[in-house]
Amino acid sequence: MTGPPSRIALAAMAFAVVVICAGCGRSEQPQVTGPAPAAAPEAGPVYVSDALGHPLIRPRRFGIDEFTSLDGLRWTGWGTEKATAAGFVHGPWCREDCPPAGYPATVELSRPEGRENVSYYTRARVSSPRLPPERAAELRDLRLIVPEP
């Protein structure tokens, strides 16, 4: 004779249903680990903005900030993650021993950032052993003007 199932039997069946259906209707979610990949520069030209926000490509001269001009620039690596130029740096801070062309300097532009179908370098580093210490510190990691996305 069979009667109604006992409470223990009902509990065991309920537990089995929960265990079996625990994964029902669930899809596996991907796990993301590690840093996000860096955004690649957009296809198209790569610009640097001067101190007034004008877009330039491989400029021979430009004002990198309101007090510093770069001249006689010869670029290598333009359009890559880092563009480097040799040239001259000068400004109103130039000492009396400053040659008319300025002090020999190296300029490095980096961190291109995409804007629609072009990119802009977002950081600059100007170095010259002849720069006054306070000016050298200001030009060590200069944030460049970039149009809003």
N, C-alpha and C. Protein backbone atom coordinates (compact mmCIF):
# COMPACT_ATOMS: atom_id res chain seq x y z
N MET A 1 0.82 -1.13 0.00
CA MET A 1 0.00 0.00 0.00
C MET A 1 0.89 1.22 0.00
N THR A 2 0.47 2.09 -0.83
CA THR A 2 1.25 3.31 -0.90
C THR A 2 0.40 4.46 -0.40
N GLY A 3 0.99 5.25 0.39
CA GLY A 3 0.31 6.42 0.91
C GLY A 3 0.99 7.68 0.39
N PRO A 4 0.58 8.76 0.97
CA PRO A 4 1.22 10.01 0.54
C PRO A 4 2.71 9.99 0.90
N PRO A 5 3.53 10.67 0.10
CA PRO A 5 4.98 10.68 0.38
C PRO A 5 5.24 11.37 1.73
N SER A 6 6.26 10.91 2.39
CA SER A 6 6.62 11.50 3.67
C SER A 6 7.26 12.86 3.45
N ARG A 7 7.35 13.59 4.52
CA ARG A 7 7.98 14.91 4.44
C ARG A 7 9.43 14.78 4.00
N ILE A 8 10.11 13.80 4.43
CA ILE A 8 11.51 13.58 4.05
C ILE A 8 11.60 13.30 2.56
N ALA A 9 10.69 12.48 2.05
CA ALA A 9 10.71 12.16 0.61
C ALA A 9 10.41 13.41 -0.20
N LEU A 10 9.45 14.23 0.25
CA LEU A 10 9.12 15.48 -0.46
C LEU A 10 10.30 16.44 -0.44
N ALA A 11 10.95 16.57 0.68
CA ALA A 11 12.11 17.45 0.79
C ALA A 11 13.23 16.98 -0.13
N ALA A 12 13.46 15.67 -0.19
CA ALA A 12 14.50 15.12 -1.06
C ALA A 12 14.20 15.39 -2.52
N MET A 13 12.91 15.24 -2.91
CA MET A 13 12.54 15.50 -4.31
C MET A 13 12.69 16.99 -4.63
N ALA A 14 12.29 17.86 -3.73
CA ALA A 14 12.42 19.30 -3.95
C ALA A 14 13.89 19.69 -4.10
N PHE A 15 14.73 19.11 -3.25
CA PHE A 15 16.16 19.39 -3.33
C PHE A 15 16.73 18.93 -4.66
N ALA A 16 16.34 17.76 -5.14
CA ALA A 16 16.81 17.23 -6.41
C ALA A 16 16.40 18.15 -7.56
N VAL A 17 15.16 18.64 -7.52
CA VAL A 17 14.68 19.54 -8.58
C VAL A 17 15.50 20.83 -8.58
N VAL A 18 15.77 21.37 -7.38
CA VAL A 18 16.57 22.61 -7.29
C VAL A 18 17.97 22.38 -7.82
N VAL A 19 18.59 21.27 -7.44
CA VAL A 19 19.95 20.99 -7.89
C VAL A 19 19.99 20.78 -9.39
N ILE A 20 19.04 20.04 -9.93
CA ILE A 20 19.04 19.75 -11.37
C ILE A 20 18.77 21.02 -12.17
N CYS A 21 17.86 21.85 -11.70
CA CYS A 21 17.48 23.04 -12.45
C CYS A 21 18.30 24.26 -12.08
N ALA A 22 19.28 24.11 -11.23
CA ALA A 22 20.05 25.28 -10.81
C ALA A 22 20.68 25.97 -12.01
N GLY A 23 21.06 25.24 -13.01
CA GLY A 23 21.67 25.85 -14.17
C GLY A 23 20.71 26.08 -15.30
N CYS A 24 19.43 25.75 -15.12
CA CYS A 24 18.45 25.90 -16.19
C CYS A 24 18.26 27.37 -16.54
N GLY A 25 18.25 27.68 -17.82
CA GLY A 25 17.96 29.03 -18.28
C GLY A 25 19.11 30.01 -18.09
N ARG A 26 20.23 29.56 -17.63
CA ARG A 26 21.37 30.45 -17.44
C ARG A 26 22.38 30.19 -18.54
N SER A 27 22.85 31.24 -19.13
CA SER A 27 23.92 31.07 -20.11
C SER A 27 25.23 31.47 -19.44
N GLU A 28 26.28 30.91 -19.90
CA GLU A 28 27.58 31.24 -19.34
C GLU A 28 27.92 32.68 -19.68
N GLN A 29 28.36 33.43 -18.69
CA GLN A 29 28.77 34.81 -18.89
C GLN A 29 30.29 34.85 -19.03
N PRO A 30 30.80 35.60 -20.01
CA PRO A 30 32.26 35.68 -20.15
C PRO A 30 32.85 36.43 -18.96
N GLN A 31 34.01 36.03 -18.57
CA GLN A 31 34.72 36.72 -17.51
C GLN A 31 35.80 37.58 -18.14
N VAL A 32 35.81 38.84 -17.77
CA VAL A 32 36.80 39.78 -18.30
C VAL A 32 37.84 40.00 -17.22
N THR A 33 39.10 39.76 -17.56
CA THR A 33 40.17 39.98 -16.61
C THR A 33 41.28 40.77 -17.29
N GLY A 34 42.09 41.44 -16.49
CA GLY A 34 43.22 42.20 -17.01
C GLY A 34 42.81 43.58 -17.47
N PRO A 35 43.81 44.39 -17.84
CA PRO A 35 43.52 45.77 -18.25
C PRO A 35 42.84 45.81 -19.61
N ALA A 36 42.07 46.86 -19.84
CA ALA A 36 41.43 47.04 -21.14
C ALA A 36 42.50 47.34 -22.18
N PRO A 37 42.34 46.87 -23.40
CA PRO A 37 43.34 47.17 -24.42
C PRO A 37 43.33 48.66 -24.73
N ALA A 38 44.50 49.18 -25.04
CA ALA A 38 44.61 50.60 -25.41
C ALA A 38 43.92 50.82 -26.74
N ALA A 39 43.25 51.95 -26.84
CA ALA A 39 42.57 52.28 -28.09
C ALA A 39 43.61 52.57 -29.16
N ALA A 40 43.46 51.93 -30.27
CA ALA A 40 44.39 52.16 -31.38
C ALA A 40 44.06 53.47 -32.05
N PRO A 41 45.08 54.16 -32.57
CA PRO A 41 44.79 55.38 -33.29
C PRO A 41 43.86 55.09 -34.46
N GLU A 42 43.02 56.05 -34.76
CA GLU A 42 42.10 55.89 -35.88
C GLU A 42 42.88 55.88 -37.19
N ALA A 43 42.31 55.25 -38.20
CA ALA A 43 42.92 55.30 -39.53
C ALA A 43 42.77 56.73 -40.02
N GLY A 44 43.75 57.21 -40.71
CA GLY A 44 43.69 58.57 -41.20
C GLY A 44 44.86 59.37 -40.65
N PRO A 45 44.88 60.65 -40.93
CA PRO A 45 46.02 61.47 -40.52
C PRO A 45 46.13 61.60 -39.00
N VAL A 46 47.34 61.87 -38.56
CA VAL A 46 47.61 62.12 -37.14
C VAL A 46 48.09 63.56 -37.03
N TYR A 47 47.49 64.31 -36.10
CA TYR A 47 47.79 65.72 -35.92
C TYR A 47 48.40 65.98 -34.55
N VAL A 48 49.01 67.14 -34.41
CA VAL A 48 49.36 67.72 -33.13
C VAL A 48 48.77 69.13 -33.16
N SER A 49 48.18 69.55 -32.06
CA SER A 49 47.64 70.91 -31.98
C SER A 49 48.67 71.84 -31.39
N ASP A 50 48.77 73.04 -31.98
CA ASP A 50 49.66 74.03 -31.40
C ASP A 50 48.97 74.68 -30.19
N ALA A 51 49.61 75.68 -29.60
CA ALA A 51 49.08 76.30 -28.38
C ALA A 51 47.74 76.99 -28.61
N LEU A 52 47.39 77.29 -29.87
CA LEU A 52 46.10 77.91 -30.18
C LEU A 52 45.06 76.88 -30.63
N GLY A 53 45.43 75.61 -30.68
CA GLY A 53 44.50 74.55 -31.06
C GLY A 53 44.45 74.27 -32.55
N HIS A 54 45.37 74.84 -33.33
CA HIS A 54 45.40 74.57 -34.77
C HIS A 54 45.99 73.18 -35.03
N PRO A 55 45.33 72.35 -35.84
CA PRO A 55 45.87 71.01 -36.14
C PRO A 55 47.01 71.10 -37.15
N LEU A 56 48.11 70.42 -36.83
CA LEU A 56 49.30 70.44 -37.69
C LEU A 56 49.78 69.01 -37.93
N ILE A 57 50.35 68.79 -39.11
CA ILE A 57 50.97 67.51 -39.44
C ILE A 57 52.45 67.75 -39.68
N ARG A 58 53.29 67.03 -38.97
CA ARG A 58 54.75 67.13 -39.08
C ARG A 58 55.22 68.59 -39.16
N PRO A 59 54.85 69.41 -38.19
CA PRO A 59 55.21 70.82 -38.28
C PRO A 59 56.72 71.05 -38.17
N ARG A 60 57.23 71.96 -38.96
CA ARG A 60 58.64 72.34 -38.86
C ARG A 60 58.81 73.31 -37.69
N ARG A 61 57.74 74.04 -37.36
CA ARG A 61 57.77 74.97 -36.24
C ARG A 61 56.37 75.12 -35.68
N PHE A 62 56.27 75.29 -34.37
CA PHE A 62 54.99 75.60 -33.74
C PHE A 62 55.19 75.97 -32.29
N GLY A 63 54.21 76.69 -31.76
CA GLY A 63 54.20 77.03 -30.35
C GLY A 63 53.58 75.88 -29.58
N ILE A 64 54.35 75.24 -28.73
CA ILE A 64 53.85 74.07 -28.01
C ILE A 64 53.06 74.49 -26.77
N ASP A 65 53.36 75.67 -26.24
CA ASP A 65 52.54 76.27 -25.20
C ASP A 65 52.68 77.78 -25.33
N GLU A 66 52.06 78.54 -24.45
CA GLU A 66 52.05 79.99 -24.63
C GLU A 66 53.41 80.63 -24.44
N PHE A 67 54.39 79.93 -23.85
CA PHE A 67 55.70 80.49 -23.60
C PHE A 67 56.84 79.80 -24.34
N THR A 68 56.54 78.78 -25.14
CA THR A 68 57.60 77.98 -25.75
C THR A 68 57.32 77.70 -27.21
N SER A 69 58.33 78.00 -28.05
CA SER A 69 58.24 77.70 -29.48
C SER A 69 59.30 76.68 -29.85
N LEU A 70 58.95 75.86 -30.84
CA LEU A 70 59.86 74.86 -31.37
C LEU A 70 60.10 75.19 -32.84
N ASP A 71 61.36 75.09 -33.28
CA ASP A 71 61.72 75.41 -34.67
C ASP A 71 62.67 74.36 -35.22
N GLY A 72 62.72 74.31 -36.56
CA GLY A 72 63.67 73.44 -37.24
C GLY A 72 63.45 71.96 -36.94
N LEU A 73 62.20 71.56 -36.75
CA LEU A 73 61.90 70.18 -36.35
C LEU A 73 62.03 69.22 -37.52
N ARG A 74 62.70 68.10 -37.27
CA ARG A 74 62.83 67.00 -38.23
C ARG A 74 62.29 65.76 -37.55
N TRP A 75 61.17 65.25 -38.07
CA TRP A 75 60.40 64.19 -37.41
C TRP A 75 60.77 62.79 -37.88
N THR A 76 60.68 61.84 -36.95
CA THR A 76 60.73 60.41 -37.27
C THR A 76 59.57 59.76 -36.52
N GLY A 77 59.00 58.73 -37.11
CA GLY A 77 57.93 57.99 -36.46
C GLY A 77 56.58 58.68 -36.44
N TRP A 78 56.38 59.67 -37.29
CA TRP A 78 55.09 60.38 -37.28
C TRP A 78 53.96 59.41 -37.60
N GLY A 79 52.88 59.47 -36.84
CA GLY A 79 51.74 58.59 -37.06
C GLY A 79 51.78 57.31 -36.25
N THR A 80 52.88 57.08 -35.53
CA THR A 80 52.99 55.90 -34.67
C THR A 80 52.68 56.31 -33.23
N GLU A 81 52.84 55.40 -32.28
CA GLU A 81 52.58 55.70 -30.87
C GLU A 81 53.44 56.85 -30.36
N LYS A 82 54.66 56.99 -30.88
CA LYS A 82 55.55 58.08 -30.48
C LYS A 82 56.22 58.66 -31.71
N ALA A 83 56.10 59.98 -31.84
CA ALA A 83 56.81 60.70 -32.90
C ALA A 83 57.90 61.52 -32.23
N THR A 84 59.09 61.51 -32.82
CA THR A 84 60.23 62.21 -32.22
C THR A 84 60.82 63.17 -33.23
N ALA A 85 61.25 64.34 -32.73
CA ALA A 85 61.88 65.33 -33.60
C ALA A 85 63.09 65.92 -32.90
N ALA A 86 64.05 66.30 -33.71
CA ALA A 86 65.19 67.09 -33.23
C ALA A 86 64.99 68.48 -33.80
N GLY A 87 65.32 69.48 -33.01
CA GLY A 87 65.16 70.86 -33.45
C GLY A 87 65.66 71.81 -32.38
N PHE A 88 64.97 72.93 -32.24
CA PHE A 88 65.38 73.97 -31.30
C PHE A 88 64.17 74.44 -30.50
N VAL A 89 64.43 74.84 -29.25
CA VAL A 89 63.40 75.34 -28.36
C VAL A 89 63.81 76.74 -27.88
N HIS A 90 62.84 77.65 -27.83
CA HIS A 90 63.13 78.99 -27.32
C HIS A 90 61.85 79.63 -26.81
N GLY A 91 62.02 80.72 -26.10
CA GLY A 91 60.89 81.46 -25.56
C GLY A 91 61.39 82.66 -24.78
N PRO A 92 60.48 83.42 -24.18
CA PRO A 92 60.89 84.61 -23.44
C PRO A 92 61.74 84.27 -22.20
N TRP A 93 61.74 83.05 -21.77
CA TRP A 93 62.54 82.60 -20.64
C TRP A 93 64.00 82.34 -21.03
N CYS A 94 64.31 82.40 -22.34
CA CYS A 94 65.66 82.13 -22.84
C CYS A 94 66.65 83.10 -22.18
N ARG A 95 67.77 82.57 -21.74
CA ARG A 95 68.80 83.39 -21.09
C ARG A 95 69.55 84.22 -22.12
N GLU A 96 70.37 85.12 -21.63
CA GLU A 96 71.15 85.97 -22.55
C GLU A 96 72.13 85.18 -23.39
N ASP A 97 72.50 83.96 -22.97
CA ASP A 97 73.41 83.13 -23.77
C ASP A 97 72.66 82.29 -24.82
N CYS A 98 71.36 82.52 -24.94
CA CYS A 98 70.54 81.73 -25.86
C CYS A 98 70.86 82.11 -27.31
N PRO A 99 71.22 81.15 -28.13
CA PRO A 99 71.46 81.46 -29.54
C PRO A 99 70.16 81.92 -30.22
N PRO A 100 70.25 82.67 -31.31
CA PRO A 100 69.03 83.16 -31.98
C PRO A 100 68.04 82.05 -32.35
N ALA A 101 68.53 80.86 -32.70
CA ALA A 101 67.64 79.75 -33.07
C ALA A 101 67.06 79.07 -31.85
N GLY A 102 67.62 79.29 -30.67
CA GLY A 102 67.18 78.61 -29.46
C GLY A 102 68.15 77.52 -29.07
N TYR A 103 67.80 76.78 -28.02
CA TYR A 103 68.63 75.68 -27.56
C TYR A 103 68.31 74.42 -28.35
N PRO A 104 69.32 73.61 -28.69
CA PRO A 104 69.03 72.32 -29.31
C PRO A 104 68.13 71.50 -28.38
N ALA A 105 67.16 70.82 -28.97
CA ALA A 105 66.19 70.08 -28.16
C ALA A 105 65.68 68.85 -28.89
N THR A 106 65.11 67.94 -28.10
CA THR A 106 64.41 66.78 -28.62
C THR A 106 62.96 66.90 -28.18
N VAL A 107 62.04 66.59 -29.10
CA VAL A 107 60.60 66.65 -28.82
C VAL A 107 60.04 65.26 -29.05
N GLU A 108 59.24 64.80 -28.11
CA GLU A 108 58.56 63.51 -28.26
C GLU A 108 57.07 63.72 -28.06
N LEU A 109 56.29 63.35 -29.07
CA LEU A 109 54.83 63.39 -28.99
C LEU A 109 54.35 61.96 -28.78
N SER A 110 53.33 61.78 -27.95
CA SER A 110 52.88 60.42 -27.66
C SER A 110 51.39 60.38 -27.36
N ARG A 111 50.91 59.16 -27.10
CA ARG A 111 49.52 58.85 -26.76
C ARG A 111 48.51 59.40 -27.76
N PRO A 112 48.58 58.96 -29.01
CA PRO A 112 47.57 59.41 -29.97
C PRO A 112 46.18 58.95 -29.57
N GLU A 113 45.23 59.83 -29.78
CA GLU A 113 43.85 59.55 -29.41
C GLU A 113 42.95 59.84 -30.61
N GLY A 114 42.06 58.91 -30.91
CA GLY A 114 41.19 59.04 -32.08
C GLY A 114 40.07 60.05 -31.90
N ARG A 115 39.80 60.77 -32.97
CA ARG A 115 38.68 61.69 -33.07
C ARG A 115 38.08 61.50 -34.46
N GLU A 116 36.93 60.85 -34.51
CA GLU A 116 36.28 60.49 -35.78
C GLU A 116 37.25 59.73 -36.66
N ASN A 117 37.68 60.29 -37.79
CA ASN A 117 38.56 59.53 -38.68
C ASN A 117 40.01 60.04 -38.66
N VAL A 118 40.38 60.77 -37.60
CA VAL A 118 41.76 61.24 -37.43
C VAL A 118 42.20 60.99 -36.00
N SER A 119 43.47 61.23 -35.72
CA SER A 119 44.00 61.11 -34.36
C SER A 119 44.82 62.35 -34.03
N TYR A 120 44.97 62.59 -32.73
CA TYR A 120 45.78 63.70 -32.23
C TYR A 120 46.72 63.17 -31.16
N TYR A 121 47.97 63.64 -31.20
CA TYR A 121 48.87 63.35 -30.10
C TYR A 121 48.38 64.14 -28.89
N THR A 122 48.39 63.51 -27.72
CA THR A 122 47.84 64.13 -26.52
C THR A 122 48.90 64.56 -25.51
N ARG A 123 50.13 64.09 -25.65
CA ARG A 123 51.20 64.42 -24.70
C ARG A 123 52.46 64.81 -25.45
N ALA A 124 53.25 65.67 -24.82
CA ALA A 124 54.54 66.08 -25.40
C ALA A 124 55.58 66.13 -24.30
N ARG A 125 56.80 65.89 -24.73
CA ARG A 125 57.95 65.99 -23.83
C ARG A 125 59.04 66.71 -24.61
N VAL A 126 59.49 67.83 -24.08
CA VAL A 126 60.57 68.60 -24.70
C VAL A 126 61.76 68.52 -23.76
N SER A 127 62.91 68.14 -24.29
CA SER A 127 64.09 68.05 -23.43
C SER A 127 65.28 68.72 -24.12
N SER A 128 66.04 69.42 -23.29
CA SER A 128 67.27 70.07 -23.71
C SER A 128 68.11 70.29 -22.46
N PRO A 129 69.38 69.96 -22.51
CA PRO A 129 70.21 70.18 -21.32
C PRO A 129 70.35 71.67 -20.98
N ARG A 130 70.03 72.55 -21.91
CA ARG A 130 70.19 73.99 -21.69
C ARG A 130 68.95 74.67 -21.13
N LEU A 131 67.82 73.96 -21.05
CA LEU A 131 66.59 74.57 -20.52
C LEU A 131 66.77 74.95 -19.06
N PRO A 132 66.23 76.12 -18.66
CA PRO A 132 66.22 76.44 -17.23
C PRO A 132 65.43 75.36 -16.48
N PRO A 133 65.83 75.01 -15.27
CA PRO A 133 65.19 73.90 -14.54
C PRO A 133 63.67 74.00 -14.43
N GLU A 134 63.15 75.18 -14.14
CA GLU A 134 61.68 75.30 -14.00
C GLU A 134 60.97 75.09 -15.33
N ARG A 135 61.57 75.56 -16.42
CA ARG A 135 60.97 75.35 -17.75
C ARG A 135 61.10 73.88 -18.14
N ALA A 136 62.22 73.25 -17.84
CA ALA A 136 62.41 71.82 -18.14
C ALA A 136 61.36 70.99 -17.43
N ALA A 137 61.07 71.32 -16.18
CA ALA A 137 60.06 70.57 -15.42
C ALA A 137 58.68 70.73 -16.05
N GLU A 138 58.34 71.94 -16.51
CA GLU A 138 57.03 72.18 -17.12
C GLU A 138 56.87 71.47 -18.46
N LEU A 139 57.97 71.27 -19.17
CA LEU A 139 57.92 70.65 -20.50
C LEU A 139 58.19 69.15 -20.46
N ARG A 140 58.36 68.59 -19.29
CA ARG A 140 58.66 67.16 -19.16
C ARG A 140 57.45 66.29 -19.51
N ASP A 141 56.25 66.76 -19.18
CA ASP A 141 55.03 66.01 -19.49
C ASP A 141 53.92 67.02 -19.74
N LEU A 142 53.84 67.48 -20.95
CA LEU A 142 52.91 68.54 -21.34
C LEU A 142 51.67 67.95 -21.98
N ARG A 143 50.51 68.32 -21.47
CA ARG A 143 49.23 67.88 -22.04
C ARG A 143 48.91 68.80 -23.22
N LEU A 144 48.64 68.21 -24.36
CA LEU A 144 48.36 68.97 -25.57
C LEU A 144 46.86 69.19 -25.77
N ILE A 145 46.52 70.22 -26.52
CA ILE A 145 45.13 70.51 -26.84
C ILE A 145 44.62 69.45 -27.82
N VAL A 146 43.47 68.87 -27.52
CA VAL A 146 42.84 67.87 -28.38
C VAL A 146 41.36 68.24 -28.49
N PRO A 147 40.79 68.22 -29.71
CA PRO A 147 39.37 68.53 -29.84
C PRO A 147 38.51 67.56 -29.03
N GLU A 148 37.37 68.03 -28.56
CA GLU A 148 36.44 67.18 -27.84
C GLU A 148 35.93 66.07 -28.76
N PRO A 149 35.68 64.87 -28.18
CA PRO A 149 35.17 63.77 -29.02
C PRO A 149 33.75 64.00 -29.49
